[in-house]
Amino acid sequence: TERQHQDEEEAYFKEKLEHKAKELEHVRQVVVQLEKKIDTVNLDRGSEGVNLIQIDQLKADNKRLLELLQSTKEFHNFSKFAEVNNFQLTYLKPSKSSKSLQIAKKTAPK
């Protein structure tokens, strides 16, 4: 009976050890997933910083180009307009509905 008790105890601890090994493997998988998420977040942050730098550079380029346009006869007034607005200009592509409205106005009988 002593041997039987030892065998039962050994089986119990083996089962516990297998259970803990499975838990540990699950935790390792979760850690790997979290590390991947952290890497993604860090990359996104890095990309955001690069994008902000590129935007600032594009703004500086636009300002320089508008200043160059100011020296031309054709675009002098436009350039002054840009300067008055602190070179904060945005081009919005006309929508299809506004184009059709313009066409309708041109073709409408007077």
PDB file of N, CA and C in Angstrom:
ATOM      1  N   THR A   1       0.811  -1.201   0.000  1.00  0.00           N
ATOM      2  CA  THR A   1       0.000   0.000   0.000  1.00  0.00           C
ATOM      3  C   THR A   1       0.859   1.271   0.000  1.00  0.00           C
ATOM      4  N   GLU A   2       2.018   1.180   0.646  1.00  0.00           N
ATOM      5  CA  GLU A   2       2.940   2.331   0.623  1.00  0.00           C
ATOM      6  C   GLU A   2       3.390   2.616  -0.804  1.00  0.00           C
ATOM      7  N   ARG A   3       3.697   1.584  -1.544  1.00  0.00           N
ATOM      8  CA  ARG A   3       4.117   1.729  -2.952  1.00  0.00           C
ATOM      9  C   ARG A   3       2.973   2.297  -3.775  1.00  0.00           C
ATOM     10  N   GLN A   4       1.784   1.828  -3.529  1.00  0.00           N
ATOM     11  CA  GLN A   4       0.611   2.315  -4.257  1.00  0.00           C
ATOM     12  C   GLN A   4       0.391   3.804  -3.966  1.00  0.00           C
ATOM     13  N   HIS A   5       0.585   4.187  -2.719  1.00  0.00           N
ATOM     14  CA  HIS A   5       0.430   5.590  -2.340  1.00  0.00           C
ATOM     15  C   HIS A   5       1.484   6.459  -3.043  1.00  0.00           C
ATOM     16  N   GLN A   6       2.713   5.978  -3.129  1.00  0.00           N
ATOM     17  CA  GLN A   6       3.785   6.708  -3.807  1.00  0.00           C
ATOM     18  C   GLN A   6       3.473   6.850  -5.307  1.00  0.00           C
ATOM     19  N   ASP A   7       2.952   5.770  -5.902  1.00  0.00           N
ATOM     20  CA  ASP A   7       2.593   5.811  -7.329  1.00  0.00           C
ATOM     21  C   ASP A   7       1.472   6.828  -7.579  1.00  0.00           C
ATOM     22  N   GLU A   8       0.494   6.853  -6.685  1.00  0.00           N
ATOM     23  CA  GLU A   8      -0.605   7.808  -6.820  1.00  0.00           C
ATOM     24  C   GLU A   8      -0.094   9.253  -6.685  1.00  0.00           C
ATOM     25  N   GLU A   9       0.800   9.447  -5.720  1.00  0.00           N
ATOM     26  CA  GLU A   9       1.371  10.771  -5.514  1.00  0.00           C
ATOM     27  C   GLU A   9       2.186  11.190  -6.728  1.00  0.00           C
ATOM     28  N   GLU A  10       2.955  10.279  -7.260  1.00  0.00           N
ATOM     29  CA  GLU A  10       3.782  10.558  -8.450  1.00  0.00           C
ATOM     30  C   GLU A  10       2.892  10.900  -9.645  1.00  0.00           C
ATOM     31  N   ALA A  11       1.821  10.169  -9.844  1.00  0.00           N
ATOM     32  CA  ALA A  11       0.892  10.439 -10.935  1.00  0.00           C
ATOM     33  C   ALA A  11       0.244  11.810 -10.752  1.00  0.00           C
ATOM     34  N   TYR A  12      -0.108  12.116  -9.501  1.00  0.00           N
ATOM     35  CA  TYR A  12      -0.716  13.422  -9.211  1.00  0.00           C
ATOM     36  C   TYR A  12       0.236  14.555  -9.568  1.00  0.00           C
ATOM     37  N   PHE A  13       1.486  14.448  -9.146  1.00  0.00           N
ATOM     38  CA  PHE A  13       2.454  15.500  -9.416  1.00  0.00           C
ATOM     39  C   PHE A  13       2.808  15.592 -10.902  1.00  0.00           C
ATOM     40  N   LYS A  14       2.843  14.461 -11.589  1.00  0.00           N
ATOM     41  CA  LYS A  14       3.077  14.484 -13.036  1.00  0.00           C
ATOM     42  C   LYS A  14       1.954  15.231 -13.745  1.00  0.00           C
ATOM     43  N   GLU A  15       0.726  14.947 -13.313  1.00  0.00           N
ATOM     44  CA  GLU A  15      -0.437  15.628 -13.898  1.00  0.00           C
ATOM     45  C   GLU A  15      -0.350  17.131 -13.635  1.00  0.00           C
ATOM     46  N   LYS A  16       0.013  17.507 -12.396  1.00  0.00           N
ATOM     47  CA  LYS A  16       0.155  18.921 -12.046  1.00  0.00           C
ATOM     48  C   LYS A  16       1.260  19.566 -12.886  1.00  0.00           C
ATOM     49  N   LEU A  17       2.352  18.846 -13.048  1.00  0.00           N
ATOM     50  CA  LEU A  17       3.484  19.358 -13.819  1.00  0.00           C
ATOM     51  C   LEU A  17       3.096  19.554 -15.287  1.00  0.00           C
ATOM     52  N   GLU A  18       2.362  18.620 -15.866  1.00  0.00           N
ATOM     53  CA  GLU A  18       1.892  18.747 -17.250  1.00  0.00           C
ATOM     54  C   GLU A  18       0.949  19.941 -17.385  1.00  0.00           C
ATOM     55  N   HIS A  19       0.077  20.107 -16.403  1.00  0.00           N
ATOM     56  CA  HIS A  19      -0.858  21.236 -16.413  1.00  0.00           C
ATOM     57  C   HIS A  19      -0.085  22.563 -16.367  1.00  0.00           C
ATOM     58  N   LYS A  20       0.913  22.639 -15.506  1.00  0.00           N
ATOM     59  CA  LYS A  20       1.727  23.858 -15.389  1.00  0.00           C
ATOM     60  C   LYS A  20       2.518  24.102 -16.675  1.00  0.00           C
ATOM     61  N   ALA A  21       2.987  23.042 -17.310  1.00  0.00           N
ATOM     62  CA  ALA A  21       3.725  23.182 -18.559  1.00  0.00           C
ATOM     63  C   ALA A  21       2.817  23.759 -19.646  1.00  0.00           C
ATOM     64  N   LYS A  22       1.563  23.309 -19.695  1.00  0.00           N
ATOM     65  CA  LYS A  22       0.598  23.845 -20.663  1.00  0.00           C
ATOM     66  C   LYS A  22       0.301  25.315 -20.368  1.00  0.00           C
ATOM     67  N   GLU A  23       0.136  25.658 -19.094  1.00  0.00           N
ATOM     68  CA  GLU A  23      -0.095  27.047 -18.714  1.00  0.00           C
ATOM     69  C   GLU A  23       1.086  27.922 -19.123  1.00  0.00           C
ATOM     70  N   LEU A  24       2.293  27.422 -18.880  1.00  0.00           N
ATOM     71  CA  LEU A  24       3.494  28.168 -19.236  1.00  0.00           C
ATOM     72  C   LEU A  24       3.567  28.387 -20.745  1.00  0.00           C
ATOM     73  N   GLU A  25       3.236  27.389 -21.512  1.00  0.00           N
ATOM     74  CA  GLU A  25       3.244  27.528 -22.978  1.00  0.00           C
ATOM     75  C   GLU A  25       2.223  28.553 -23.427  1.00  0.00           C
ATOM     76  N   HIS A  26       1.062  28.543 -22.798  1.00  0.00           N
ATOM     77  CA  HIS A  26       0.027  29.534 -23.127  1.00  0.00           C
ATOM     78  C   HIS A  26       0.527  30.950 -22.808  1.00  0.00           C
ATOM     79  N   VAL A  27       1.148  31.106 -21.649  1.00  0.00           N
ATOM     80  CA  VAL A  27       1.683  32.409 -21.264  1.00  0.00           C
ATOM     81  C   VAL A  27       2.753  32.852 -22.262  1.00  0.00           C
ATOM     82  N   ARG A  28       3.600  31.948 -22.697  1.00  0.00           N
ATOM     83  CA  ARG A  28       4.634  32.286 -23.696  1.00  0.00           C
ATOM     84  C   ARG A  28       3.996  32.766 -24.997  1.00  0.00           C
ATOM     85  N   GLN A  29       2.932  32.106 -25.418  1.00  0.00           N
ATOM     86  CA  GLN A  29       2.243  32.523 -26.643  1.00  0.00           C
ATOM     87  C   GLN A  29       1.639  33.922 -26.485  1.00  0.00           C
ATOM     88  N   VAL A  30       1.068  34.188 -25.328  1.00  0.00           N
ATOM     89  CA  VAL A  30       0.501  35.513 -25.069  1.00  0.00           C
ATOM     90  C   VAL A  30       1.602  36.570 -25.095  1.00  0.00           C
ATOM     91  N   VAL A  31       2.740  36.267 -24.505  1.00  0.00           N
ATOM     92  CA  VAL A  31       3.868  37.204 -24.492  1.00  0.00           C
ATOM     93  C   VAL A  31       4.335  37.490 -25.920  1.00  0.00           C
ATOM     94  N   VAL A  32       4.430  36.469 -26.750  1.00  0.00           N
ATOM     95  CA  VAL A  32       4.844  36.669 -28.143  1.00  0.00           C
ATOM     96  C   VAL A  32       3.853  37.577 -28.862  1.00  0.00           C
ATOM     97  N   GLN A  33       2.569  37.348 -28.658  1.00  0.00           N
ATOM     98  CA  GLN A  33       1.542  38.191 -29.295  1.00  0.00           C
ATOM     99  C   GLN A  33       1.650  39.635 -28.809  1.00  0.00           C
ATOM    100  N   LEU A  34       1.852  39.824 -27.516  1.00  0.00           N
ATOM    101  CA  LEU A  34       1.983  41.170 -26.964  1.00  0.00           C
ATOM    102  C   LEU A  34       3.238  41.870 -27.489  1.00  0.00           C
ATOM    103  N   GLU A  35       4.323  41.130 -27.624  1.00  0.00           N
ATOM    104  CA  GLU A  35       5.555  41.712 -28.177  1.00  0.00           C
ATOM    105  C   GLU A  35       5.336  42.176 -29.616  1.00  0.00           C
ATOM    106  N   LYS A  36       4.583  41.396 -30.382  1.00  0.00           N
ATOM    107  CA  LYS A  36       4.279  41.788 -31.757  1.00  0.00           C
ATOM    108  C   LYS A  36       3.443  43.064 -31.779  1.00  0.00           C
ATOM    109  N   LYS A  37       2.466  43.144 -30.884  1.00  0.00           N
ATOM    110  CA  LYS A  37       1.625  44.344 -30.806  1.00  0.00           C
ATOM    111  C   LYS A  37       2.463  45.558 -30.412  1.00  0.00           C
ATOM    112  N   ILE A  38       3.360  45.383 -29.470  1.00  0.00           N
ATOM    113  CA  ILE A  38       4.228  46.482 -29.045  1.00  0.00           C
ATOM    114  C   ILE A  38       5.100  46.939 -30.209  1.00  0.00           C
ATOM    115  N   ASP A  39       5.651  45.992 -30.958  1.00  0.00           N
ATOM    116  CA  ASP A  39       6.462  46.338 -32.128  1.00  0.00           C
ATOM    117  C   ASP A  39       5.644  47.139 -33.137  1.00  0.00           C
ATOM    118  N   THR A  40       4.401  46.730 -33.353  1.00  0.00           N
ATOM    119  CA  THR A  40       3.529  47.435 -34.290  1.00  0.00           C
ATOM    120  C   THR A  40       3.256  48.857 -33.817  1.00  0.00           C
ATOM    121  N   VAL A  41       2.980  49.008 -32.534  1.00  0.00           N
ATOM    122  CA  VAL A  41       2.724  50.342 -31.978  1.00  0.00           C
ATOM    123  C   VAL A  41       3.967  51.215 -32.126  1.00  0.00           C
ATOM    124  N   ASN A  42       5.125  50.665 -31.828  1.00  0.00           N
ATOM    125  CA  ASN A  42       6.367  51.425 -31.957  1.00  0.00           C
ATOM    126  C   ASN A  42       6.616  51.834 -33.399  1.00  0.00           C
ATOM    127  N   LEU A  43       6.338  50.945 -34.340  1.00  0.00           N
ATOM    128  CA  LEU A  43       6.502  51.287 -35.754  1.00  0.00           C
ATOM    129  C   LEU A  43       5.538  52.389 -36.157  1.00  0.00           C
ATOM    130  N   ASP A  44       4.294  52.287 -35.678  1.00  0.00           N
ATOM    131  CA  ASP A  44       3.302  53.324 -35.984  1.00  0.00           C
ATOM    132  C   ASP A  44       3.744  54.676 -35.449  1.00  0.00           C
ATOM    133  N   ARG A  45       4.262  54.689 -34.246  1.00  0.00           N
ATOM    134  CA  ARG A  45       4.745  55.946 -33.658  1.00  0.00           C
ATOM    135  C   ARG A  45       5.899  56.502 -34.477  1.00  0.00           C
ATOM    136  N   GLY A  46       6.805  55.632 -34.883  1.00  0.00           N
ATOM    137  CA  GLY A  46       7.938  56.069 -35.699  1.00  0.00           C
ATOM    138  C   GLY A  46       7.465  56.618 -37.026  1.00  0.00           C
ATOM    139  N   SER A  47       6.502  55.936 -37.643  1.00  0.00           N
ATOM    140  CA  SER A  47       5.962  56.392 -38.919  1.00  0.00           C
ATOM    141  C   SER A  47       5.265  57.729 -38.751  1.00  0.00           C
ATOM    142  N   GLU A  48       4.569  57.904 -37.653  1.00  0.00           N
ATOM    143  CA  GLU A  48       3.875  59.168 -37.393  1.00  0.00           C
ATOM    144  C   GLU A  48       4.878  60.310 -37.313  1.00  0.00           C
ATOM    145  N   GLY A  49       5.991  60.082 -36.638  1.00  0.00           N
ATOM    146  CA  GLY A  49       7.033  61.105 -36.536  1.00  0.00           C
ATOM    147  C   GLY A  49       7.619  61.448 -37.890  1.00  0.00           C
ATOM    148  N   VAL A  50       7.877  60.422 -38.681  1.00  0.00           N
ATOM    149  CA  VAL A  50       8.405  60.641 -40.029  1.00  0.00           C
ATOM    150  C   VAL A  50       7.403  61.413 -40.869  1.00  0.00           C
ATOM    151  N   ASN A  51       6.127  61.054 -40.756  1.00  0.00           N
ATOM    152  CA  ASN A  51       5.081  61.754 -41.512  1.00  0.00           C
ATOM    153  C   ASN A  51       5.014  63.226 -41.127  1.00  0.00           C
ATOM    154  N   LEU A  52       5.129  63.525 -39.836  1.00  0.00           N
ATOM    155  CA  LEU A  52       5.088  64.912 -39.389  1.00  0.00           C
ATOM    156  C   LEU A  52       6.273  65.701 -39.937  1.00  0.00           C
ATOM    157  N   ILE A  53       7.428  65.076 -39.960  1.00  0.00           N
ATOM    158  CA  ILE A  53       8.613  65.731 -40.524  1.00  0.00           C
ATOM    159  C   ILE A  53       8.409  65.984 -42.015  1.00  0.00           C
ATOM    160  N   GLN A  54       7.873  64.997 -42.720  1.00  0.00           N
ATOM    161  CA  GLN A  54       7.625  65.165 -44.153  1.00  0.00           C
ATOM    162  C   GLN A  54       6.596  66.265 -44.413  1.00  0.00           C
ATOM    163  N   ILE A  55       5.568  66.340 -43.598  1.00  0.00           N
ATOM    164  CA  ILE A  55       4.550  67.384 -43.757  1.00  0.00           C
ATOM    165  C   ILE A  55       5.182  68.763 -43.562  1.00  0.00           C
ATOM    166  N   ASP A  56       5.999  68.891 -42.524  1.00  0.00           N
ATOM    167  CA  ASP A  56       6.673  70.174 -42.296  1.00  0.00           C
ATOM    168  C   ASP A  56       7.559  70.543 -43.478  1.00  0.00           C
ATOM    169  N   GLN A  57       8.250  69.556 -44.032  1.00  0.00           N
ATOM    170  CA  GLN A  57       9.115  69.828 -45.188  1.00  0.00           C
ATOM    171  C   GLN A  57       8.288  70.239 -46.404  1.00  0.00           C
ATOM    172  N   LEU A  58       7.162  69.574 -46.615  1.00  0.00           N
ATOM    173  CA  LEU A  58       6.290  69.939 -47.740  1.00  0.00           C
ATOM    174  C   LEU A  58       5.727  71.345 -47.570  1.00  0.00           C
ATOM    175  N   LYS A  59       5.382  71.713 -46.342  1.00  0.00           N
ATOM    176  CA  LYS A  59       4.904  73.076 -46.094  1.00  0.00           C
ATOM    177  C   LYS A  59       5.996  74.089 -46.431  1.00  0.00           C
ATOM    178  N   ALA A  60       7.220  73.807 -46.023  1.00  0.00           N
ATOM    179  CA  ALA A  60       8.332  74.709 -46.324  1.00  0.00           C
ATOM    180  C   ALA A  60       8.562  74.790 -47.835  1.00  0.00           C
ATOM    181  N   ASP A  61       8.467  73.653 -48.521  1.00  0.00           N
ATOM    182  CA  ASP A  61       8.619  73.641 -49.987  1.00  0.00           C
ATOM    183  C   ASP A  61       7.531  74.467 -50.653  1.00  0.00           C
ATOM    184  N   ASN A  62       6.296  74.311 -50.189  1.00  0.00           N
ATOM    185  CA  ASN A  62       5.182  75.080 -50.761  1.00  0.00           C
ATOM    186  C   ASN A  62       5.391  76.576 -50.557  1.00  0.00           C
ATOM    187  N   LYS A  63       5.829  76.945 -49.369  1.00  0.00           N
ATOM    188  CA  LYS A  63       6.067  78.358 -49.086  1.00  0.00           C
ATOM    189  C   LYS A  63       7.137  78.910 -50.032  1.00  0.00           C
ATOM    190  N   ARG A  64       8.210  78.163 -50.200  1.00  0.00           N
ATOM    191  CA  ARG A  64       9.292  78.593 -51.086  1.00  0.00           C
ATOM    192  C   ARG A  64       8.804  78.729 -52.525  1.00  0.00           C
ATOM    193  N   LEU A  65       8.012  77.765 -52.981  1.00  0.00           N
ATOM    194  CA  LEU A  65       7.490  77.815 -54.356  1.00  0.00           C
ATOM    195  C   LEU A  65       6.531  78.983 -54.546  1.00  0.00           C
ATOM    196  N   LEU A  66       5.702  79.240 -53.547  1.00  0.00           N
ATOM    197  CA  LEU A  66       4.791  80.387 -53.639  1.00  0.00           C
ATOM    198  C   LEU A  66       5.566  81.706 -53.654  1.00  0.00           C
ATOM    199  N   GLU A  67       6.631  81.756 -52.898  1.00  0.00           N
ATOM    200  CA  GLU A  67       7.474  82.952 -52.919  1.00  0.00           C
ATOM    201  C   GLU A  67       8.117  83.139 -54.294  1.00  0.00           C
ATOM    202  N   LEU A  68       8.499  82.028 -54.930  1.00  0.00           N
ATOM    203  CA  LEU A  68       9.033  82.111 -56.295  1.00  0.00           C
ATOM    204  C   LEU A  68       7.969  82.602 -57.272  1.00  0.00           C
ATOM    205  N   LEU A  69       6.745  82.131 -57.086  1.00  0.00           N
ATOM    206  CA  LEU A  69       5.655  82.571 -57.963  1.00  0.00           C
ATOM    207  C   LEU A  69       5.397  84.072 -57.831  1.00  0.00           C
ATOM    208  N   GLN A  70       5.687  84.597 -56.671  1.00  0.00           N
ATOM    209  CA  GLN A  70       5.445  86.019 -56.442  1.00  0.00           C
ATOM    210  C   GLN A  70       6.264  86.882 -57.404  1.00  0.00           C
ATOM    211  N   SER A  71       7.372  86.372 -57.865  1.00  0.00           N
ATOM    212  CA  SER A  71       8.217  87.153 -58.769  1.00  0.00           C
ATOM    213  C   SER A  71       7.703  87.128 -60.209  1.00  0.00           C
ATOM    214  N   THR A  72       6.674  86.334 -60.486  1.00  0.00           N
ATOM    215  CA  THR A  72       6.125  86.288 -61.848  1.00  0.00           C
ATOM    216  C   THR A  72       4.928  87.216 -61.970  1.00  0.00           C
ATOM    217  N   LYS A  73       4.747  87.711 -63.174  1.00  0.00           N
ATOM    218  CA  LYS A  73       3.646  88.637 -63.442  1.00  0.00           C
ATOM    219  C   LYS A  73       2.286  87.937 -63.282  1.00  0.00           C
ATOM    220  N   GLU A  74       2.185  86.714 -63.800  1.00  0.00           N
ATOM    221  CA  GLU A  74       0.911  85.997 -63.831  1.00  0.00           C
ATOM    222  C   GLU A  74       0.404  85.602 -62.434  1.00  0.00           C
ATOM    223  N   PHE A  75       1.308  85.273 -61.545  1.00  0.00           N
ATOM    224  CA  PHE A  75       0.913  84.730 -60.248  1.00  0.00           C
ATOM    225  C   PHE A  75       1.228  85.659 -59.085  1.00  0.00           C
ATOM    226  N   HIS A  76       1.591  86.902 -59.350  1.00  0.00           N
ATOM    227  CA  HIS A  76       1.963  87.827 -58.291  1.00  0.00           C
ATOM    228  C   HIS A  76       0.808  88.014 -57.292  1.00  0.00           C
ATOM    229  N   ASN A  77      -0.402  88.242 -57.799  1.00  0.00           N
ATOM    230  CA  ASN A  77      -1.550  88.458 -56.908  1.00  0.00           C
ATOM    231  C   ASN A  77      -1.875  87.206 -56.093  1.00  0.00           C
ATOM    232  N   PHE A  78      -1.810  86.052 -56.744  1.00  0.00           N
ATOM    233  CA  PHE A  78      -2.068  84.798 -56.037  1.00  0.00           C
ATOM    234  C   PHE A  78      -1.048  84.606 -54.917  1.00  0.00           C
ATOM    235  N   SER A  79       0.183  84.904 -55.212  1.00  0.00           N
ATOM    236  CA  SER A  79       1.239  84.745 -54.222  1.00  0.00           C
ATOM    237  C   SER A  79       1.028  85.682 -53.048  1.00  0.00           C
ATOM    238  N   LYS A  80       0.582  86.898 -53.322  1.00  0.00           N
ATOM    239  CA  LYS A  80       0.290  87.840 -52.233  1.00  0.00           C
ATOM    240  C   LYS A  80      -0.852  87.298 -51.361  1.00  0.00           C
ATOM    241  N   PHE A  81      -1.863  86.730 -52.022  1.00  0.00           N
ATOM    242  CA  PHE A  81      -2.980  86.122 -51.304  1.00  0.00           C
ATOM    243  C   PHE A  81      -2.469  85.008 -50.384  1.00  0.00           C
ATOM    244  N   ALA A  82      -1.564  84.201 -50.904  1.00  0.00           N
ATOM    245  CA  ALA A  82      -1.001  83.112 -50.105  1.00  0.00           C
ATOM    246  C   ALA A  82      -0.219  83.666 -48.924  1.00  0.00           C
ATOM    247  N   GLU A  83       0.540  84.711 -49.164  1.00  0.00           N
ATOM    248  CA  GLU A  83       1.345  85.297 -48.103  1.00  0.00           C
ATOM    249  C   GLU A  83       0.456  85.872 -46.996  1.00  0.00           C
ATOM    250  N   VAL A  84      -0.612  86.562 -47.382  1.00  0.00           N
ATOM    251  CA  VAL A  84      -1.545  87.133 -46.412  1.00  0.00           C
ATOM    252  C   VAL A  84      -2.159  86.025 -45.552  1.00  0.00           C
ATOM    253  N   ASN A  85      -2.374  84.855 -46.137  1.00  0.00           N
ATOM    254  CA  ASN A  85      -2.960  83.715 -45.422  1.00  0.00           C
ATOM    255  C   ASN A  85      -1.900  82.821 -44.789  1.00  0.00           C
ATOM    256  N   ASN A  86      -0.711  83.399 -44.607  1.00  0.00           N
ATOM    257  CA  ASN A  86       0.394  82.672 -43.970  1.00  0.00           C
ATOM    258  C   ASN A  86       0.719  81.365 -44.693  1.00  0.00           C
ATOM    259  N   PHE A  87       0.532  81.377 -45.985  1.00  0.00           N
ATOM    260  CA  PHE A  87       0.830  80.236 -46.863  1.00  0.00           C
ATOM    261  C   PHE A  87       0.051  78.984 -46.457  1.00  0.00           C
ATOM    262  N   GLN A  88      -1.054  79.155 -45.792  1.00  0.00           N
ATOM    263  CA  GLN A  88      -1.913  78.035 -45.376  1.00  0.00           C
ATOM    264  C   GLN A  88      -3.025  77.854 -46.405  1.00  0.00           C
ATOM    265  N   LEU A  89      -2.659  77.362 -47.569  1.00  0.00           N
ATOM    266  CA  LEU A  89      -3.626  77.167 -48.648  1.00  0.00           C
ATOM    267  C   LEU A  89      -3.869  75.681 -48.831  1.00  0.00           C
ATOM    268  N   THR A  90      -5.080  75.349 -49.166  1.00  0.00           N
ATOM    269  CA  THR A  90      -5.440  73.960 -49.416  1.00  0.00           C
ATOM    270  C   THR A  90      -6.235  73.896 -50.701  1.00  0.00           C
ATOM    271  N   TYR A  91      -5.838  72.974 -51.560  1.00  0.00           N
ATOM    272  CA  TYR A  91      -6.579  72.767 -52.798  1.00  0.00           C
ATOM    273  C   TYR A  91      -7.548  71.629 -52.580  1.00  0.00           C
ATOM    274  N   LEU A  92      -8.809  71.898 -52.795  1.00  0.00           N
ATOM    275  CA  LEU A  92      -9.825  70.858 -52.715  1.00  0.00           C
ATOM    276  C   LEU A  92     -10.328  70.596 -54.122  1.00  0.00           C
ATOM    277  N   LYS A  93     -10.148  69.383 -54.566  1.00  0.00           N
ATOM    278  CA  LYS A  93     -10.596  69.025 -55.907  1.00  0.00           C
ATOM    279  C   LYS A  93     -12.111  69.181 -55.984  1.00  0.00           C
ATOM    280  N   PRO A  94     -12.585  69.895 -57.010  1.00  0.00           N
ATOM    281  CA  PRO A  94     -14.044  70.048 -57.126  1.00  0.00           C
ATOM    282  C   PRO A  94     -14.731  68.694 -57.240  1.00  0.00           C
ATOM    283  N   SER A  95     -15.851  68.585 -56.569  1.00  0.00           N
ATOM    284  CA  SER A  95     -16.586  67.324 -56.634  1.00  0.00           C
ATOM    285  C   SER A  95     -17.331  67.240 -57.959  1.00  0.00           C
ATOM    286  N   LYS A  96     -17.759  66.056 -58.315  1.00  0.00           N
ATOM    287  CA  LYS A  96     -18.510  65.863 -59.559  1.00  0.00           C
ATOM    288  C   LYS A  96     -19.801  66.669 -59.545  1.00  0.00           C
ATOM    289  N   SER A  97     -20.425  66.775 -58.381  1.00  0.00           N
ATOM    290  CA  SER A  97     -21.691  67.505 -58.308  1.00  0.00           C
ATOM    291  C   SER A  97     -21.473  68.992 -58.581  1.00  0.00           C
ATOM    292  N   SER A  98     -20.359  69.552 -58.113  1.00  0.00           N
ATOM    293  CA  SER A  98     -20.129  70.976 -58.379  1.00  0.00           C
ATOM    294  C   SER A  98     -19.788  71.201 -59.848  1.00  0.00           C
ATOM    295  N   LYS A  99     -19.117  70.226 -60.486  1.00  0.00           N
ATOM    296  CA  LYS A  99     -18.831  70.346 -61.917  1.00  0.00           C
ATOM    297  C   LYS A  99     -20.120  70.291 -62.719  1.00  0.00           C
ATOM    298  N   SER A 100     -21.006  69.371 -62.367  1.00  0.00           N
ATOM    299  CA  SER A 100     -22.255  69.256 -63.110  1.00  0.00           C
ATOM    300  C   SER A 100     -23.107  70.504 -62.898  1.00  0.00           C
ATOM    301  N   LEU A 101     -22.991  71.094 -61.718  1.00  0.00           N
ATOM    302  CA  LEU A 101     -23.726  72.327 -61.453  1.00  0.00           C
ATOM    303  C   LEU A 101     -23.179  73.453 -62.329  1.00  0.00           C
ATOM    304  N   GLN A 102     -21.851  73.512 -62.475  1.00  0.00           N
ATOM    305  CA  GLN A 102     -21.246  74.533 -63.313  1.00  0.00           C
ATOM    306  C   GLN A 102     -21.659  74.330 -64.775  1.00  0.00           C
ATOM    307  N   ILE A 103     -21.672  73.105 -65.236  1.00  0.00           N
ATOM    308  CA  ILE A 103     -22.064  72.806 -66.610  1.00  0.00           C
ATOM    309  C   ILE A 103     -23.532  73.194 -66.820  1.00  0.00           C
ATOM    310  N   ALA A 104     -24.366  72.879 -65.830  1.00  0.00           N
ATOM    311  CA  ALA A 104     -25.785  73.224 -65.929  1.00  0.00           C
ATOM    312  C   ALA A 104     -25.971  74.727 -66.030  1.00  0.00           C
ATOM    313  N   LYS A 105     -25.186  75.484 -65.268  1.00  0.00           N
ATOM    314  CA  LYS A 105     -25.295  76.939 -65.318  1.00  0.00           C
ATOM    315  C   LYS A 105     -24.877  77.473 -66.687  1.00  0.00           C
ATOM    316  N   LYS A 106     -23.830  76.879 -67.266  1.00  0.00           N
ATOM    317  CA  LYS A 106     -23.343  77.342 -68.565  1.00  0.00           C
ATOM    318  C   LYS A 106     -24.322  77.032 -69.681  1.00  0.00           C
ATOM    319  N   THR A 107     -25.007  75.890 -69.590  1.00  0.00           N
ATOM    320  CA  THR A 107     -25.884  75.456 -70.664  1.00  0.00           C
ATOM    321  C   THR A 107     -27.335  75.884 -70.465  1.00  0.00           C
ATOM    322  N   ALA A 108     -27.630  76.405 -69.303  1.00  0.00           N
ATOM    323  CA  ALA A 108     -29.030  76.804 -69.024  1.00  0.00           C
ATOM    324  C   ALA A 108     -29.406  78.005 -69.891  1.00  0.00           C
ATOM    325  N   PRO A 109     -30.617  78.011 -70.450  1.00  0.00           N
ATOM    326  CA  PRO A 109     -31.048  79.152 -71.246  1.00  0.00           C
ATOM    327  C   PRO A 109     -31.226  80.373 -70.370  1.00  0.00           C
ATOM    328  N   LYS A 110     -30.868  81.513 -70.955  1.00  0.00           N
ATOM    329  CA  LYS A 110     -30.933  82.768 -70.191  1.00  0.00           C
ATOM    330  C   LYS A 110     -32.192  83.524 -70.479  1.00  0.00           C
TER     331      LYS A 110
END
